[in-house]
Amino acid sequence: MVTGSAGCLNFYEKTGGIIKILLIEDNEQTRYVIKSLLQKLGHEIVGEAEDGDKAAQYFTSLKPDVVFLDLILPGKSGVEVLEDLRRVDPKTRVVVITAADQEEIERRLSGKGVHAILRKPFSFVDFKTLMASLT
């Protein structure tokens, strides 16, 4: 589900089509799958965080174009991390990764500036469509 796409052309021109991504996901298998798909599509994973406590630190130092953010993390929750990221840079694109109920997600993320939601489980076609919406 893409929630906004304003400024896509400028974003595409800025990145040259290669997106620098910070992946914040505690599940090793999910992280591996997303990382493999991103690499297959030619994007750069600039960092990975397994918990919410490290996420803001990595975000500040790595300055990614896009953040993939799981909602359920050890330490700070994904919603808390999202709020931290928004204080640092309100314009960075954030893709939330979740298996949670849609109504619950919409309630928790309302007004928090999420660009898209990637629902687990997802297919390669879903993932590719999502990435196209980011460029």
N, C-alpha and C. Protein backbone atom coordinates (compact mmCIF):
# COMPACT_ATOMS: atom_id res chain seq x y z
N MET A 1 0.84 -1.17 0.00
CA MET A 1 0.00 0.00 0.00
C MET A 1 0.88 1.24 0.00
N VAL A 2 0.84 2.01 -1.03
CA VAL A 2 1.62 3.23 -1.12
C VAL A 2 0.76 4.37 -0.63
N THR A 3 1.29 5.16 0.31
CA THR A 3 0.49 6.22 0.90
C THR A 3 0.82 7.59 0.35
N GLY A 4 1.84 7.71 -0.49
CA GLY A 4 2.18 9.01 -1.07
C GLY A 4 3.33 8.87 -2.02
N SER A 5 3.35 9.71 -3.06
CA SER A 5 4.45 9.60 -4.02
C SER A 5 4.88 10.96 -4.55
N ALA A 6 4.56 12.04 -3.87
CA ALA A 6 4.97 13.37 -4.32
C ALA A 6 6.49 13.46 -4.34
N GLY A 7 7.01 14.09 -5.35
CA GLY A 7 8.44 14.29 -5.45
C GLY A 7 9.21 13.10 -5.97
N CYS A 8 8.55 12.14 -6.60
CA CYS A 8 9.24 10.93 -7.07
C CYS A 8 10.30 11.25 -8.11
N LEU A 9 10.03 12.15 -9.05
CA LEU A 9 11.01 12.45 -10.09
C LEU A 9 12.27 13.04 -9.48
N ASN A 10 12.12 14.00 -8.57
CA ASN A 10 13.29 14.59 -7.94
C ASN A 10 14.07 13.55 -7.15
N PHE A 11 13.37 12.65 -6.48
CA PHE A 11 14.02 11.60 -5.72
C PHE A 11 14.79 10.68 -6.65
N TYR A 12 14.18 10.31 -7.78
CA TYR A 12 14.84 9.44 -8.74
C TYR A 12 16.10 10.11 -9.29
N GLU A 13 16.00 11.39 -9.63
CA GLU A 13 17.16 12.11 -10.15
C GLU A 13 18.25 12.20 -9.10
N LYS A 14 17.87 12.45 -7.85
CA LYS A 14 18.84 12.58 -6.76
C LYS A 14 19.62 11.29 -6.55
N THR A 15 18.95 10.17 -6.61
CA THR A 15 19.59 8.89 -6.30
C THR A 15 20.18 8.20 -7.53
N GLY A 16 19.86 8.70 -8.72
CA GLY A 16 20.31 8.02 -9.93
C GLY A 16 19.68 6.65 -10.08
N GLY A 17 18.57 6.42 -9.40
CA GLY A 17 17.88 5.14 -9.49
C GLY A 17 18.38 4.11 -8.50
N ILE A 18 19.52 4.37 -7.86
CA ILE A 18 20.04 3.47 -6.83
C ILE A 18 19.69 4.08 -5.48
N ILE A 19 18.97 3.34 -4.69
CA ILE A 19 18.50 3.84 -3.41
C ILE A 19 19.37 3.29 -2.29
N LYS A 20 19.82 4.18 -1.40
CA LYS A 20 20.57 3.77 -0.20
C LYS A 20 19.56 3.47 0.90
N ILE A 21 19.65 2.25 1.43
CA ILE A 21 18.61 1.77 2.35
C ILE A 21 19.20 1.34 3.69
N LEU A 22 18.50 1.75 4.75
CA LEU A 22 18.76 1.25 6.09
C LEU A 22 17.65 0.26 6.41
N LEU A 23 18.03 -0.95 6.78
CA LEU A 23 17.08 -2.03 7.06
C LEU A 23 17.03 -2.27 8.56
N ILE A 24 15.87 -2.03 9.15
CA ILE A 24 15.68 -2.21 10.60
C ILE A 24 14.66 -3.33 10.79
N GLU A 25 15.16 -4.51 11.11
CA GLU A 25 14.33 -5.72 11.19
C GLU A 25 15.03 -6.70 12.12
N ASP A 26 14.32 -7.21 13.13
CA ASP A 26 14.95 -8.11 14.08
C ASP A 26 15.01 -9.56 13.62
N ASN A 27 14.14 -9.95 12.70
CA ASN A 27 14.11 -11.34 12.24
C ASN A 27 15.18 -11.55 11.15
N GLU A 28 16.13 -12.41 11.45
CA GLU A 28 17.26 -12.63 10.54
C GLU A 28 16.82 -13.12 9.16
N GLN A 29 15.85 -14.02 9.12
CA GLN A 29 15.38 -14.56 7.85
C GLN A 29 14.70 -13.47 7.01
N THR A 30 13.86 -12.67 7.63
CA THR A 30 13.19 -11.58 6.90
C THR A 30 14.22 -10.58 6.40
N ARG A 31 15.19 -10.26 7.25
CA ARG A 31 16.27 -9.34 6.85
C ARG A 31 17.01 -9.88 5.63
N TYR A 32 17.32 -11.16 5.65
CA TYR A 32 18.04 -11.78 4.54
C TYR A 32 17.23 -11.70 3.24
N VAL A 33 15.93 -12.01 3.32
CA VAL A 33 15.07 -11.97 2.13
C VAL A 33 15.01 -10.56 1.56
N ILE A 34 14.75 -9.58 2.42
CA ILE A 34 14.64 -8.20 1.95
C ILE A 34 15.97 -7.72 1.37
N LYS A 35 17.05 -8.03 2.06
CA LYS A 35 18.38 -7.64 1.58
C LYS A 35 18.67 -8.26 0.21
N SER A 36 18.35 -9.53 0.04
CA SER A 36 18.57 -10.21 -1.25
C SER A 36 17.75 -9.56 -2.36
N LEU A 37 16.49 -9.25 -2.08
CA LEU A 37 15.64 -8.62 -3.08
C LEU A 37 16.14 -7.23 -3.44
N LEU A 38 16.55 -6.47 -2.45
CA LEU A 38 17.08 -5.13 -2.71
C LEU A 38 18.33 -5.19 -3.58
N GLN A 39 19.22 -6.12 -3.26
CA GLN A 39 20.44 -6.27 -4.06
C GLN A 39 20.11 -6.72 -5.47
N LYS A 40 19.15 -7.62 -5.61
CA LYS A 40 18.74 -8.09 -6.94
C LYS A 40 18.21 -6.94 -7.78
N LEU A 41 17.56 -5.98 -7.14
CA LEU A 41 17.02 -4.82 -7.85
C LEU A 41 18.04 -3.69 -8.01
N GLY A 42 19.26 -3.92 -7.52
CA GLY A 42 20.34 -2.97 -7.73
C GLY A 42 20.45 -1.85 -6.71
N HIS A 43 19.85 -2.03 -5.55
CA HIS A 43 19.91 -0.99 -4.53
C HIS A 43 21.00 -1.31 -3.51
N GLU A 44 21.38 -0.29 -2.74
CA GLU A 44 22.49 -0.42 -1.79
C GLU A 44 21.97 -0.43 -0.36
N ILE A 45 22.30 -1.47 0.38
CA ILE A 45 21.96 -1.54 1.80
C ILE A 45 23.14 -0.92 2.54
N VAL A 46 22.92 0.26 3.12
CA VAL A 46 24.01 0.97 3.79
C VAL A 46 24.15 0.55 5.24
N GLY A 47 23.13 -0.11 5.79
CA GLY A 47 23.22 -0.56 7.17
C GLY A 47 22.04 -1.41 7.56
N GLU A 48 22.24 -2.17 8.65
CA GLU A 48 21.20 -3.03 9.20
C GLU A 48 21.18 -2.87 10.71
N ALA A 49 20.00 -2.79 11.27
CA ALA A 49 19.84 -2.75 12.73
C ALA A 49 18.85 -3.85 13.11
N GLU A 50 19.17 -4.55 14.20
CA GLU A 50 18.33 -5.64 14.67
C GLU A 50 17.41 -5.21 15.80
N ASP A 51 17.61 -4.00 16.32
CA ASP A 51 16.75 -3.53 17.41
C ASP A 51 16.51 -2.03 17.29
N GLY A 52 15.48 -1.59 17.99
CA GLY A 52 15.09 -0.19 17.92
C GLY A 52 16.08 0.76 18.55
N ASP A 53 16.85 0.29 19.51
CA ASP A 53 17.79 1.17 20.19
C ASP A 53 18.93 1.63 19.27
N LYS A 54 19.37 0.77 18.36
CA LYS A 54 20.47 1.13 17.45
C LYS A 54 19.98 1.89 16.22
N ALA A 55 18.70 1.80 15.92
CA ALA A 55 18.16 2.32 14.67
C ALA A 55 18.40 3.81 14.46
N ALA A 56 18.08 4.63 15.45
CA ALA A 56 18.24 6.09 15.29
C ALA A 56 19.71 6.46 15.13
N GLN A 57 20.58 5.77 15.84
CA GLN A 57 22.02 6.03 15.73
C GLN A 57 22.50 5.73 14.31
N TYR A 58 22.10 4.61 13.75
CA TYR A 58 22.49 4.25 12.39
C TYR A 58 21.89 5.23 11.38
N PHE A 59 20.65 5.62 11.61
CA PHE A 59 19.98 6.55 10.71
C PHE A 59 20.75 7.87 10.63
N THR A 60 21.14 8.39 11.77
CA THR A 60 21.85 9.67 11.83
C THR A 60 23.21 9.57 11.14
N SER A 61 23.93 8.49 11.35
CA SER A 61 25.28 8.38 10.79
C SER A 61 25.28 7.95 9.32
N LEU A 62 24.31 7.16 8.89
CA LEU A 62 24.33 6.62 7.52
C LEU A 62 23.55 7.45 6.50
N LYS A 63 22.60 8.25 6.96
CA LYS A 63 21.80 9.12 6.10
C LYS A 63 21.22 8.39 4.87
N PRO A 64 20.40 7.38 5.10
CA PRO A 64 19.82 6.63 3.97
C PRO A 64 18.75 7.42 3.24
N ASP A 65 18.46 7.00 2.01
CA ASP A 65 17.35 7.58 1.24
C ASP A 65 16.02 7.00 1.73
N VAL A 66 16.05 5.72 2.09
CA VAL A 66 14.84 4.99 2.49
C VAL A 66 15.17 4.13 3.71
N VAL A 67 14.21 4.03 4.61
CA VAL A 67 14.33 3.15 5.77
C VAL A 67 13.23 2.09 5.68
N PHE A 68 13.62 0.82 5.75
CA PHE A 68 12.67 -0.28 5.91
C PHE A 68 12.62 -0.56 7.40
N LEU A 69 11.43 -0.45 7.99
CA LEU A 69 11.29 -0.48 9.44
C LEU A 69 10.23 -1.49 9.88
N ASP A 70 10.67 -2.50 10.63
CA ASP A 70 9.74 -3.44 11.24
C ASP A 70 9.08 -2.74 12.43
N LEU A 71 7.83 -3.05 12.70
CA LEU A 71 7.14 -2.41 13.82
C LEU A 71 7.44 -3.06 15.15
N ILE A 72 7.68 -4.36 15.15
CA ILE A 72 7.91 -5.07 16.40
C ILE A 72 9.40 -5.38 16.51
N LEU A 73 10.06 -4.66 17.41
CA LEU A 73 11.50 -4.76 17.58
C LEU A 73 11.85 -4.89 19.05
N PRO A 74 13.00 -5.50 19.36
CA PRO A 74 13.50 -5.44 20.73
C PRO A 74 13.91 -4.00 21.05
N GLY A 75 13.84 -3.62 22.29
CA GLY A 75 14.17 -2.24 22.66
C GLY A 75 13.02 -1.33 22.29
N LYS A 76 13.33 -0.24 21.63
CA LYS A 76 12.28 0.68 21.18
C LYS A 76 11.41 0.01 20.13
N SER A 77 10.12 0.32 20.16
CA SER A 77 9.21 -0.22 19.15
C SER A 77 9.44 0.49 17.82
N GLY A 78 8.92 -0.09 16.75
CA GLY A 78 9.03 0.54 15.44
C GLY A 78 8.37 1.91 15.40
N VAL A 79 7.26 2.08 16.12
CA VAL A 79 6.59 3.38 16.16
C VAL A 79 7.47 4.40 16.86
N GLU A 80 8.12 4.01 17.96
CA GLU A 80 9.04 4.92 18.65
C GLU A 80 10.22 5.28 17.75
N VAL A 81 10.75 4.29 17.04
CA VAL A 81 11.86 4.54 16.10
C VAL A 81 11.41 5.51 15.02
N LEU A 82 10.22 5.29 14.48
CA LEU A 82 9.69 6.18 13.45
C LEU A 82 9.61 7.62 13.96
N GLU A 83 9.13 7.80 15.17
CA GLU A 83 9.06 9.14 15.76
C GLU A 83 10.45 9.75 15.90
N ASP A 84 11.44 8.95 16.32
CA ASP A 84 12.83 9.42 16.41
C ASP A 84 13.35 9.85 15.04
N LEU A 85 13.11 9.01 14.02
CA LEU A 85 13.58 9.31 12.67
C LEU A 85 12.96 10.60 12.15
N ARG A 86 11.71 10.78 12.41
CA ARG A 86 11.00 11.98 11.93
C ARG A 86 11.55 13.25 12.58
N ARG A 87 12.01 13.15 13.83
CA ARG A 87 12.62 14.32 14.48
C ARG A 87 13.94 14.69 13.81
N VAL A 88 14.67 13.69 13.34
CA VAL A 88 15.96 13.93 12.68
C VAL A 88 15.76 14.40 11.25
N ASP A 89 14.90 13.72 10.50
CA ASP A 89 14.65 14.07 9.10
C ASP A 89 13.22 13.70 8.72
N PRO A 90 12.34 14.69 8.66
CA PRO A 90 10.94 14.39 8.35
C PRO A 90 10.68 13.98 6.91
N LYS A 91 11.68 14.08 6.04
CA LYS A 91 11.46 13.81 4.61
C LYS A 91 11.92 12.43 4.15
N THR A 92 12.75 11.75 4.93
CA THR A 92 13.22 10.43 4.52
C THR A 92 12.04 9.49 4.35
N ARG A 93 12.08 8.72 3.28
CA ARG A 93 11.00 7.78 3.00
C ARG A 93 11.12 6.57 3.93
N VAL A 94 9.98 6.20 4.50
CA VAL A 94 9.94 5.08 5.43
C VAL A 94 8.93 4.06 4.92
N VAL A 95 9.40 2.81 4.82
CA VAL A 95 8.55 1.68 4.47
C VAL A 95 8.43 0.82 5.72
N VAL A 96 7.22 0.65 6.20
CA VAL A 96 6.99 -0.17 7.38
C VAL A 96 6.77 -1.61 6.94
N ILE A 97 7.44 -2.53 7.64
CA ILE A 97 7.32 -3.97 7.39
C ILE A 97 6.49 -4.55 8.53
N THR A 98 5.40 -5.24 8.20
CA THR A 98 4.56 -5.77 9.27
C THR A 98 3.68 -6.92 8.81
N ALA A 99 3.29 -7.73 9.78
CA ALA A 99 2.29 -8.77 9.54
C ALA A 99 1.02 -8.45 10.33
N ALA A 100 0.99 -7.29 10.97
CA ALA A 100 -0.13 -6.90 11.83
C ALA A 100 -1.38 -6.57 11.03
N ASP A 101 -2.49 -6.57 11.70
CA ASP A 101 -3.80 -6.25 11.13
C ASP A 101 -3.81 -4.84 10.54
N GLN A 102 -4.43 -4.68 9.38
CA GLN A 102 -4.44 -3.40 8.67
C GLN A 102 -5.03 -2.27 9.50
N GLU A 103 -6.16 -2.50 10.16
CA GLU A 103 -6.78 -1.44 10.97
C GLU A 103 -5.87 -1.00 12.10
N GLU A 104 -5.23 -1.96 12.74
CA GLU A 104 -4.30 -1.65 13.83
C GLU A 104 -3.13 -0.82 13.30
N ILE A 105 -2.60 -1.20 12.15
CA ILE A 105 -1.47 -0.47 11.55
C ILE A 105 -1.88 0.96 11.22
N GLU A 106 -3.01 1.11 10.58
CA GLU A 106 -3.47 2.45 10.21
C GLU A 106 -3.66 3.32 11.45
N ARG A 107 -4.17 2.75 12.52
CA ARG A 107 -4.35 3.50 13.76
C ARG A 107 -3.01 3.92 14.35
N ARG A 108 -2.06 3.01 14.40
CA ARG A 108 -0.76 3.29 15.01
C ARG A 108 0.10 4.23 14.18
N LEU A 109 -0.08 4.22 12.86
CA LEU A 109 0.80 5.00 11.99
C LEU A 109 0.17 6.28 11.45
N SER A 110 -1.07 6.51 11.78
CA SER A 110 -1.77 7.69 11.27
C SER A 110 -1.00 8.97 11.56
N GLY A 111 -0.73 9.73 10.50
CA GLY A 111 -0.05 11.02 10.63
C GLY A 111 1.43 10.95 10.93
N LYS A 112 2.05 9.79 10.78
CA LYS A 112 3.47 9.65 11.12
C LYS A 112 4.40 9.69 9.91
N GLY A 113 3.85 9.94 8.72
CA GLY A 113 4.70 10.12 7.55
C GLY A 113 5.27 8.85 6.95
N VAL A 114 4.50 7.77 6.97
CA VAL A 114 4.95 6.51 6.36
C VAL A 114 4.64 6.56 4.87
N HIS A 115 5.65 6.24 4.05
CA HIS A 115 5.46 6.26 2.60
C HIS A 115 4.69 5.04 2.12
N ALA A 116 5.02 3.87 2.68
CA ALA A 116 4.39 2.63 2.23
C ALA A 116 4.43 1.60 3.33
N ILE A 117 3.57 0.59 3.20
CA ILE A 117 3.53 -0.53 4.13
C ILE A 117 3.75 -1.80 3.34
N LEU A 118 4.73 -2.59 3.75
CA LEU A 118 5.01 -3.89 3.14
C LEU A 118 4.49 -4.95 4.09
N ARG A 119 3.45 -5.65 3.67
CA ARG A 119 2.82 -6.64 4.54
C ARG A 119 3.46 -8.03 4.34
N LYS A 120 3.83 -8.64 5.48
CA LYS A 120 4.35 -10.00 5.45
C LYS A 120 3.18 -10.97 5.45
N PRO A 121 3.25 -12.04 4.73
CA PRO A 121 4.25 -12.37 3.70
C PRO A 121 3.99 -11.56 2.44
N PHE A 122 5.03 -11.37 1.65
CA PHE A 122 4.91 -10.60 0.41
C PHE A 122 5.59 -11.36 -0.72
N SER A 123 5.18 -11.06 -1.94
CA SER A 123 5.77 -11.72 -3.12
C SER A 123 6.83 -10.81 -3.73
N PHE A 124 7.62 -11.35 -4.63
CA PHE A 124 8.61 -10.55 -5.34
C PHE A 124 7.92 -9.45 -6.15
N VAL A 125 6.77 -9.77 -6.75
CA VAL A 125 6.02 -8.77 -7.53
C VAL A 125 5.59 -7.61 -6.62
N ASP A 126 5.07 -7.94 -5.43
CA ASP A 126 4.69 -6.89 -4.47
C ASP A 126 5.90 -6.01 -4.13
N PHE A 127 7.03 -6.66 -3.89
CA PHE A 127 8.24 -5.95 -3.49
C PHE A 127 8.74 -5.06 -4.63
N LYS A 128 8.76 -5.60 -5.82
CA LYS A 128 9.23 -4.83 -6.99
C LYS A 128 8.32 -3.62 -7.24
N THR A 129 7.02 -3.80 -7.10
CA THR A 129 6.07 -2.70 -7.26
C THR A 129 6.31 -1.63 -6.21
N LEU A 130 6.54 -2.06 -4.99
CA LEU A 130 6.84 -1.12 -3.91
C LEU A 130 8.09 -0.31 -4.23
N MET A 131 9.14 -0.99 -4.66
CA MET A 131 10.40 -0.29 -4.95
C MET A 131 10.23 0.68 -6.12
N ALA A 132 9.43 0.32 -7.10
CA ALA A 132 9.17 1.22 -8.23
C ALA A 132 8.46 2.48 -7.74
N SER A 133 7.62 2.35 -6.73
CA SER A 133 6.91 3.52 -6.20
C SER A 133 7.85 4.47 -5.46
N LEU A 134 8.99 3.96 -5.03
CA LEU A 134 9.96 4.79 -4.31
C LEU A 134 10.87 5.57 -5.25
N THR A 135 10.95 5.13 -6.50
CA THR A 135 11.79 5.85 -7.46
C THR A 135 10.89 6.59 -8.38
